[in-house]
Amino acid sequence: MLRFTFLNWLTARPVLPPNGLQDTEAGRIKLRLDASAELGAYPKASTCEHELTLPDYRDAGALRSKLLEALAQHEKDPKFHAE
């Protein structure tokens, strides 16, 4: 279920296309680091670009925690931290 939620949040697609995201206009998922983001900020998804923008978290635990919180909020409100 978590993979479905992540895919939907990041790409606005409920399932992968038969040949994967490389066959879409935006292509593969892109990661971007936002070193200027406030401490404790949530990650952001750009569905049109399939881009995940991550604040500069101090450790993997902080990243995991904020990403899981963002996905939980997305399940309640699909527009949460998605552009």
N, C-alpha and C. Protein backbone atom coordinates (compact mmCIF):
# COMPACT_ATOMS: atom_id res chain seq x y z
N MET A 1 0.82 -1.20 0.00
CA MET A 1 0.00 0.00 0.00
C MET A 1 0.86 1.26 0.00
N LEU A 2 1.98 1.22 0.69
CA LEU A 2 2.86 2.38 0.78
C LEU A 2 3.46 2.73 -0.59
N ARG A 3 3.80 1.73 -1.37
CA ARG A 3 4.34 1.97 -2.71
C ARG A 3 3.31 2.64 -3.60
N PHE A 4 2.06 2.18 -3.51
CA PHE A 4 0.97 2.79 -4.28
C PHE A 4 0.81 4.25 -3.90
N THR A 5 0.80 4.52 -2.60
CA THR A 5 0.64 5.90 -2.12
C THR A 5 1.78 6.78 -2.61
N PHE A 6 3.01 6.27 -2.51
CA PHE A 6 4.18 7.04 -2.97
C PHE A 6 4.08 7.32 -4.46
N LEU A 7 3.78 6.32 -5.26
CA LEU A 7 3.65 6.50 -6.71
C LEU A 7 2.57 7.52 -7.04
N ASN A 8 1.43 7.41 -6.39
CA ASN A 8 0.32 8.33 -6.64
C ASN A 8 0.67 9.75 -6.22
N TRP A 9 1.34 9.91 -5.09
CA TRP A 9 1.72 11.23 -4.58
C TRP A 9 2.74 11.89 -5.50
N LEU A 10 3.68 11.12 -5.99
CA LEU A 10 4.77 11.68 -6.79
C LEU A 10 4.45 11.83 -8.27
N THR A 11 3.57 10.99 -8.80
CA THR A 11 3.31 11.02 -10.25
C THR A 11 1.85 11.27 -10.61
N ALA A 12 0.96 11.24 -9.63
CA ALA A 12 -0.48 11.36 -9.87
C ALA A 12 -1.00 10.21 -10.72
N ARG A 13 -0.33 9.08 -10.64
CA ARG A 13 -0.73 7.87 -11.37
C ARG A 13 -1.05 6.78 -10.37
N PRO A 14 -2.16 6.08 -10.55
CA PRO A 14 -2.49 5.01 -9.63
C PRO A 14 -1.67 3.74 -9.85
N VAL A 15 -1.16 3.56 -11.08
CA VAL A 15 -0.33 2.39 -11.41
C VAL A 15 0.75 2.83 -12.41
N LEU A 16 1.80 2.04 -12.51
CA LEU A 16 2.84 2.30 -13.49
C LEU A 16 2.35 1.94 -14.89
N PRO A 17 2.78 2.69 -15.90
CA PRO A 17 2.48 2.28 -17.27
C PRO A 17 3.17 0.94 -17.56
N PRO A 18 2.73 0.21 -18.57
CA PRO A 18 3.29 -1.11 -18.85
C PRO A 18 4.82 -1.13 -18.98
N ASN A 19 5.40 -0.10 -19.57
CA ASN A 19 6.86 -0.06 -19.75
C ASN A 19 7.55 0.86 -18.75
N GLY A 20 6.86 1.24 -17.69
CA GLY A 20 7.47 2.09 -16.66
C GLY A 20 7.34 3.57 -16.97
N LEU A 21 7.87 4.38 -16.08
CA LEU A 21 7.75 5.83 -16.22
C LEU A 21 8.56 6.40 -17.37
N GLN A 22 9.57 5.67 -17.85
CA GLN A 22 10.38 6.19 -18.95
C GLN A 22 9.54 6.42 -20.20
N ASP A 23 8.36 5.80 -20.28
CA ASP A 23 7.49 6.01 -21.43
C ASP A 23 6.54 7.19 -21.25
N THR A 24 6.64 7.88 -20.14
CA THR A 24 5.79 9.06 -19.91
C THR A 24 6.54 10.31 -20.34
N GLU A 25 5.83 11.41 -20.50
CA GLU A 25 6.45 12.67 -20.92
C GLU A 25 7.50 13.14 -19.91
N ALA A 26 7.22 12.99 -18.62
CA ALA A 26 8.15 13.45 -17.59
C ALA A 26 9.32 12.49 -17.41
N GLY A 27 9.13 11.26 -17.77
CA GLY A 27 10.22 10.29 -17.64
C GLY A 27 10.37 9.76 -16.22
N ARG A 28 11.55 9.38 -15.89
CA ARG A 28 11.84 8.76 -14.59
C ARG A 28 11.72 9.74 -13.43
N ILE A 29 11.67 9.22 -12.24
CA ILE A 29 11.59 10.04 -11.02
C ILE A 29 12.93 10.76 -10.83
N LYS A 30 12.82 12.04 -10.51
CA LYS A 30 14.01 12.85 -10.28
C LYS A 30 14.04 13.28 -8.80
N LEU A 31 15.22 13.32 -8.23
CA LEU A 31 15.39 13.79 -6.86
C LEU A 31 16.12 15.12 -6.89
N ARG A 32 15.67 16.03 -6.01
CA ARG A 32 16.31 17.34 -5.91
C ARG A 32 16.48 17.66 -4.44
N LEU A 33 17.65 18.15 -4.06
CA LEU A 33 17.93 18.54 -2.69
C LEU A 33 17.67 20.03 -2.55
N ASP A 34 16.91 20.41 -1.53
CA ASP A 34 16.63 21.81 -1.25
C ASP A 34 17.34 22.19 0.05
N ALA A 35 18.58 22.61 -0.07
CA ALA A 35 19.38 22.97 1.10
C ALA A 35 18.86 24.22 1.81
N SER A 36 18.00 25.00 1.13
CA SER A 36 17.49 26.22 1.74
C SER A 36 16.18 26.01 2.51
N ALA A 37 15.65 24.78 2.49
CA ALA A 37 14.39 24.50 3.18
C ALA A 37 14.58 24.61 4.70
N GLU A 38 13.51 25.00 5.37
CA GLU A 38 13.55 25.11 6.83
C GLU A 38 13.76 23.75 7.47
N LEU A 39 14.39 23.75 8.62
CA LEU A 39 14.60 22.52 9.37
C LEU A 39 13.24 21.90 9.70
N GLY A 40 13.06 20.64 9.42
CA GLY A 40 11.80 19.96 9.71
C GLY A 40 10.75 20.10 8.63
N ALA A 41 11.12 20.68 7.48
CA ALA A 41 10.16 20.83 6.38
C ALA A 41 9.82 19.47 5.78
N TYR A 42 8.66 19.40 5.17
CA TYR A 42 8.24 18.17 4.50
C TYR A 42 8.85 18.09 3.10
N PRO A 43 9.00 16.88 2.59
CA PRO A 43 9.38 16.74 1.18
C PRO A 43 8.21 17.21 0.31
N LYS A 44 8.52 17.58 -0.93
CA LYS A 44 7.48 18.04 -1.86
C LYS A 44 7.54 17.22 -3.13
N ALA A 45 6.38 16.98 -3.71
CA ALA A 45 6.28 16.23 -4.96
C ALA A 45 5.78 17.15 -6.07
N SER A 46 6.42 17.03 -7.21
CA SER A 46 5.97 17.73 -8.41
C SER A 46 5.48 16.65 -9.38
N THR A 47 4.16 16.48 -9.45
CA THR A 47 3.60 15.37 -10.22
C THR A 47 3.85 15.49 -11.72
N CYS A 48 3.85 16.70 -12.25
CA CYS A 48 4.06 16.87 -13.70
C CYS A 48 5.48 16.49 -14.10
N GLU A 49 6.42 16.75 -13.22
CA GLU A 49 7.83 16.48 -13.53
C GLU A 49 8.34 15.17 -12.91
N HIS A 50 7.50 14.51 -12.11
CA HIS A 50 7.92 13.31 -11.37
C HIS A 50 9.16 13.63 -10.53
N GLU A 51 9.11 14.78 -9.85
CA GLU A 51 10.27 15.24 -9.09
C GLU A 51 9.97 15.26 -7.60
N LEU A 52 10.87 14.70 -6.83
CA LEU A 52 10.77 14.71 -5.38
C LEU A 52 11.83 15.67 -4.85
N THR A 53 11.38 16.71 -4.15
CA THR A 53 12.29 17.69 -3.57
C THR A 53 12.42 17.39 -2.08
N LEU A 54 13.64 17.16 -1.66
CA LEU A 54 13.91 16.79 -0.28
C LEU A 54 14.69 17.88 0.43
N PRO A 55 14.22 18.31 1.60
CA PRO A 55 15.04 19.18 2.43
C PRO A 55 16.31 18.42 2.85
N ASP A 56 17.29 19.13 3.32
CA ASP A 56 18.55 18.51 3.75
C ASP A 56 18.38 17.98 5.17
N TYR A 57 17.84 16.75 5.27
CA TYR A 57 17.61 16.15 6.59
C TYR A 57 18.93 15.73 7.21
N ARG A 58 18.97 15.74 8.53
CA ARG A 58 20.21 15.42 9.26
C ARG A 58 20.58 13.95 9.17
N ASP A 59 19.57 13.07 9.05
CA ASP A 59 19.86 11.64 8.98
C ASP A 59 18.71 10.91 8.29
N ALA A 60 18.93 9.63 8.03
CA ALA A 60 17.94 8.82 7.33
C ALA A 60 16.64 8.69 8.13
N GLY A 61 16.74 8.68 9.46
CA GLY A 61 15.55 8.57 10.29
C GLY A 61 14.63 9.77 10.13
N ALA A 62 15.21 10.96 10.04
CA ALA A 62 14.42 12.18 9.85
C ALA A 62 13.76 12.17 8.48
N LEU A 63 14.49 11.73 7.47
CA LEU A 63 13.93 11.62 6.12
C LEU A 63 12.76 10.66 6.10
N ARG A 64 12.96 9.50 6.68
CA ARG A 64 11.90 8.48 6.70
C ARG A 64 10.67 8.99 7.43
N SER A 65 10.87 9.61 8.57
CA SER A 65 9.76 10.12 9.37
C SER A 65 8.94 11.16 8.60
N LYS A 66 9.62 12.14 8.00
CA LYS A 66 8.91 13.20 7.27
C LYS A 66 8.25 12.67 6.00
N LEU A 67 8.90 11.73 5.33
CA LEU A 67 8.30 11.15 4.13
C LEU A 67 7.05 10.35 4.48
N LEU A 68 7.11 9.57 5.55
CA LEU A 68 5.92 8.80 5.97
C LEU A 68 4.80 9.73 6.41
N GLU A 69 5.13 10.82 7.10
CA GLU A 69 4.11 11.81 7.49
C GLU A 69 3.47 12.43 6.26
N ALA A 70 4.29 12.78 5.27
CA ALA A 70 3.77 13.39 4.04
C ALA A 70 2.84 12.42 3.31
N LEU A 71 3.23 11.15 3.25
CA LEU A 71 2.39 10.15 2.57
C LEU A 71 1.08 9.93 3.33
N ALA A 72 1.13 9.94 4.65
CA ALA A 72 -0.09 9.78 5.45
C ALA A 72 -1.03 10.97 5.21
N GLN A 73 -0.46 12.17 5.14
CA GLN A 73 -1.28 13.36 4.88
C GLN A 73 -1.86 13.32 3.46
N HIS A 74 -1.08 12.81 2.52
CA HIS A 74 -1.55 12.69 1.13
C HIS A 74 -2.76 11.77 1.05
N GLU A 75 -2.76 10.71 1.84
CA GLU A 75 -3.92 9.80 1.83
C GLU A 75 -5.17 10.51 2.32
N LYS A 76 -5.02 11.47 3.24
CA LYS A 76 -6.17 12.24 3.75
C LYS A 76 -6.55 13.36 2.78
N ASP A 77 -5.52 14.02 2.20
CA ASP A 77 -5.73 15.14 1.30
C ASP A 77 -4.73 15.02 0.14
N PRO A 78 -5.17 14.54 -1.03
CA PRO A 78 -4.26 14.28 -2.15
C PRO A 78 -3.46 15.50 -2.62
N LYS A 79 -3.82 16.69 -2.23
CA LYS A 79 -3.08 17.87 -2.65
C LYS A 79 -1.95 18.25 -1.68
N PHE A 80 -1.81 17.48 -0.59
CA PHE A 80 -0.81 17.81 0.42
C PHE A 80 0.60 17.72 -0.15
N HIS A 81 1.30 18.83 -0.14
CA HIS A 81 2.69 18.94 -0.58
C HIS A 81 2.93 18.34 -1.95
N ALA A 82 1.97 18.53 -2.83
CA ALA A 82 2.13 18.14 -4.22
C ALA A 82 1.81 19.35 -5.09
N GLU A 83 2.57 19.53 -6.13
CA GLU A 83 2.36 20.67 -7.02
C GLU A 83 1.86 20.19 -8.36
